[in-house]
Amino acid sequence: MQVMERLFAAGFRPIAIPPYESALCMKKGNCVAALAPAPNGGLKLLAPASYLVDGSFSVKLKRGSGEVFVWKKKEVEATPERVSELESFRTELQEILDSPEKQ
């Protein structure tokens, strides 16, 4: 519960994304990650953090001389700003998940 409180305090919000209905998907900005219960009572990553494309998890692919975030037939350019947003999201999420429980 403390992990959830820290996630909410940091601005993360739950979101439902098919086919991850049974997982806890947390969104912040344009980024999302799927979480699952961890053996220690906390939460762990179930799926890597991803940039949202059309409301779904995307994958980053090379296209020509650049990179794009793709979901099905939709894609957005992987601009430095978007890549930076995703990296900040990953870092902040991992710090919250790794932080020790407070008694």
C-alpha atoms as a PDB file:
ATOM      1  CA  MET A   1       0.000   0.000   0.000  1.00  0.00           C
ATOM      2  CA  GLN A   2       2.892   2.354   0.744  1.00  0.00           C
ATOM      3  CA  VAL A   3       4.231   1.849  -2.783  1.00  0.00           C
ATOM      4  CA  MET A   4       0.848   2.838  -4.220  1.00  0.00           C
ATOM      5  CA  GLU A   5       0.754   5.919  -2.004  1.00  0.00           C
ATOM      6  CA  ARG A   6       4.217   6.946  -3.223  1.00  0.00           C
ATOM      7  CA  LEU A   7       3.177   6.371  -6.862  1.00  0.00           C
ATOM      8  CA  PHE A   8       0.061   8.527  -6.421  1.00  0.00           C
ATOM      9  CA  ALA A   9       2.059  11.241  -4.634  1.00  0.00           C
ATOM     10  CA  ALA A  10       4.475  11.306  -7.595  1.00  0.00           C
ATOM     11  CA  GLY A  11       1.636  11.798 -10.081  1.00  0.00           C
ATOM     12  CA  PHE A  12       1.231   8.234 -11.389  1.00  0.00           C
ATOM     13  CA  ARG A  13      -2.351   7.166 -12.121  1.00  0.00           C
ATOM     14  CA  PRO A  14      -3.937   3.768 -12.891  1.00  0.00           C
ATOM     15  CA  ILE A  15      -5.132   3.094 -16.427  1.00  0.00           C
ATOM     16  CA  ALA A  16      -6.843   0.065 -17.996  1.00  0.00           C
ATOM     17  CA  ILE A  17      -5.087  -1.238 -21.113  1.00  0.00           C
ATOM     18  CA  PRO A  18      -6.105  -4.396 -22.963  1.00  0.00           C
ATOM     19  CA  PRO A  19      -4.786  -7.116 -22.689  1.00  0.00           C
ATOM     20  CA  TYR A  20      -3.343  -6.128 -19.292  1.00  0.00           C
ATOM     21  CA  GLU A  21      -6.673  -5.879 -17.422  1.00  0.00           C
ATOM     22  CA  SER A  22      -5.414  -8.167 -14.655  1.00  0.00           C
ATOM     23  CA  ALA A  23      -2.254  -6.095 -14.151  1.00  0.00           C
ATOM     24  CA  LEU A  24      -1.925  -2.711 -12.512  1.00  0.00           C
ATOM     25  CA  CYS A  25      -1.024  -0.314 -15.324  1.00  0.00           C
ATOM     26  CA  MET A  26       0.305   3.016 -14.098  1.00  0.00           C
ATOM     27  CA  LYS A  27       0.452   6.092 -16.337  1.00  0.00           C
ATOM     28  CA  LYS A  28       2.213   9.407 -15.995  1.00  0.00           C
ATOM     29  CA  GLY A  29       2.276  11.861 -18.849  1.00  0.00           C
ATOM     30  CA  ASN A  30       2.475   9.829 -22.057  1.00  0.00           C
ATOM     31  CA  CYS A  31       4.203   6.825 -20.482  1.00  0.00           C
ATOM     32  CA  VAL A  32       2.888   3.626 -18.925  1.00  0.00           C
ATOM     33  CA  ALA A  33       4.125   0.471 -17.184  1.00  0.00           C
ATOM     34  CA  ALA A  34       2.398  -2.738 -16.087  1.00  0.00           C
ATOM     35  CA  LEU A  35       2.973  -3.734 -12.460  1.00  0.00           C
ATOM     36  CA  ALA A  36       2.271  -6.908 -10.514  1.00  0.00           C
ATOM     37  CA  PRO A  37       2.494  -7.872  -6.837  1.00  0.00           C
ATOM     38  CA  ALA A  38       6.025  -8.680  -5.676  1.00  0.00           C
ATOM     39  CA  PRO A  39       6.866 -11.478  -3.218  1.00  0.00           C
ATOM     40  CA  ASN A  40       7.929  -8.883  -0.609  1.00  0.00           C
ATOM     41  CA  GLY A  41       4.467  -7.325  -0.614  1.00  0.00           C
ATOM     42  CA  GLY A  42       5.446  -4.447  -2.885  1.00  0.00           C
ATOM     43  CA  LEU A  43       5.110  -4.108  -6.634  1.00  0.00           C
ATOM     44  CA  LYS A  44       7.361  -5.133  -9.523  1.00  0.00           C
ATOM     45  CA  LEU A  45       7.437  -4.443 -13.237  1.00  0.00           C
ATOM     46  CA  LEU A  46       5.390  -6.931 -15.238  1.00  0.00           C
ATOM     47  CA  ALA A  47       6.085  -5.255 -18.578  1.00  0.00           C
ATOM     48  CA  PRO A  48       8.737  -2.642 -19.341  1.00  0.00           C
ATOM     49  CA  ALA A  49       7.826   1.017 -19.318  1.00  0.00           C
ATOM     50  CA  SER A  50       6.533   2.167 -22.678  1.00  0.00           C
ATOM     51  CA  TYR A  51       5.407   5.276 -24.514  1.00  0.00           C
ATOM     52  CA  LEU A  52       1.650   5.393 -25.068  1.00  0.00           C
ATOM     53  CA  VAL A  53       0.503   5.316 -28.691  1.00  0.00           C
ATOM     54  CA  ASP A  54      -3.239   5.479 -29.264  1.00  0.00           C
ATOM     55  CA  GLY A  55      -3.791   4.521 -25.603  1.00  0.00           C
ATOM     56  CA  SER A  56      -1.706   1.325 -25.787  1.00  0.00           C
ATOM     57  CA  PHE A  57       1.797   0.065 -25.056  1.00  0.00           C
ATOM     58  CA  SER A  58       4.206   0.739 -27.919  1.00  0.00           C
ATOM     59  CA  VAL A  59       7.568  -0.579 -29.000  1.00  0.00           C
ATOM     60  CA  LYS A  60      10.451   1.564 -30.211  1.00  0.00           C
ATOM     61  CA  LEU A  61      11.672   0.658 -33.697  1.00  0.00           C
ATOM     62  CA  LYS A  62      14.189   2.017 -36.177  1.00  0.00           C
ATOM     63  CA  ARG A  63      12.579   3.602 -39.234  1.00  0.00           C
ATOM     64  CA  GLY A  64      14.929   4.921 -41.857  1.00  0.00           C
ATOM     65  CA  SER A  65      17.415   7.197 -40.150  1.00  0.00           C
ATOM     66  CA  GLY A  66      15.307   7.666 -37.019  1.00  0.00           C
ATOM     67  CA  GLU A  67      13.214   5.815 -34.470  1.00  0.00           C
ATOM     68  CA  VAL A  68       9.471   5.621 -33.831  1.00  0.00           C
ATOM     69  CA  PHE A  69       7.153   4.338 -31.130  1.00  0.00           C
ATOM     70  CA  VAL A  70       4.710   1.896 -32.774  1.00  0.00           C
ATOM     71  CA  TRP A  71       1.451   0.220 -31.795  1.00  0.00           C
ATOM     72  CA  LYS A  72      -0.263  -1.775 -34.530  1.00  0.00           C
ATOM     73  CA  LYS A  73      -0.327   0.551 -37.560  1.00  0.00           C
ATOM     74  CA  LYS A  74      -0.021   3.758 -35.564  1.00  0.00           C
ATOM     75  CA  GLU A  75       3.320   5.355 -34.837  1.00  0.00           C
ATOM     76  CA  VAL A  76       4.796   8.547 -33.442  1.00  0.00           C
ATOM     77  CA  GLU A  77       8.312   9.821 -33.920  1.00  0.00           C
ATOM     78  CA  ALA A  78      10.691   8.985 -31.054  1.00  0.00           C
ATOM     79  CA  THR A  79      11.767  12.595 -30.603  1.00  0.00           C
ATOM     80  CA  PRO A  80      14.448  13.443 -28.044  1.00  0.00           C
ATOM     81  CA  GLU A  81      11.688  14.909 -25.859  1.00  0.00           C
ATOM     82  CA  ARG A  82       9.610  11.708 -25.961  1.00  0.00           C
ATOM     83  CA  VAL A  83      12.633   9.474 -25.345  1.00  0.00           C
ATOM     84  CA  SER A  84      13.639  11.718 -22.424  1.00  0.00           C
ATOM     85  CA  GLU A  85      10.095  11.596 -20.989  1.00  0.00           C
ATOM     86  CA  LEU A  86      10.153   7.780 -21.156  1.00  0.00           C
ATOM     87  CA  GLU A  87      13.587   7.565 -19.517  1.00  0.00           C
ATOM     88  CA  SER A  88      12.511   9.936 -16.707  1.00  0.00           C
ATOM     89  CA  PHE A  89       9.355   7.849 -16.218  1.00  0.00           C
ATOM     90  CA  ARG A  90      11.399   4.624 -16.009  1.00  0.00           C
ATOM     91  CA  THR A  91      13.869   6.120 -13.563  1.00  0.00           C
ATOM     92  CA  GLU A  92      11.244   7.632 -11.263  1.00  0.00           C
ATOM     93  CA  LEU A  93       9.116   4.473 -11.311  1.00  0.00           C
ATOM     94  CA  GLN A  94      12.076   2.218 -10.528  1.00  0.00           C
ATOM     95  CA  GLU A  95      13.190   4.472  -7.663  1.00  0.00           C
ATOM     96  CA  ILE A  96       9.703   4.268  -6.122  1.00  0.00           C
ATOM     97  CA  LEU A  97       9.492   0.495  -6.594  1.00  0.00           C
ATOM     98  CA  ASP A  98      12.990  -0.010  -5.132  1.00  0.00           C
ATOM     99  CA  SER A  99      12.587   2.305  -2.146  1.00  0.00           C
ATOM    100  CA  PRO A 100      12.309   0.478   1.187  1.00  0.00           C
ATOM    101  CA  GLU A 101       9.016   0.265   3.004  1.00  0.00           C
ATOM    102  CA  LYS A 102       8.669   2.710   5.890  1.00  0.00           C
ATOM    103  CA  GLN A 103       7.497   1.261   9.181  1.00  0.00           C
END
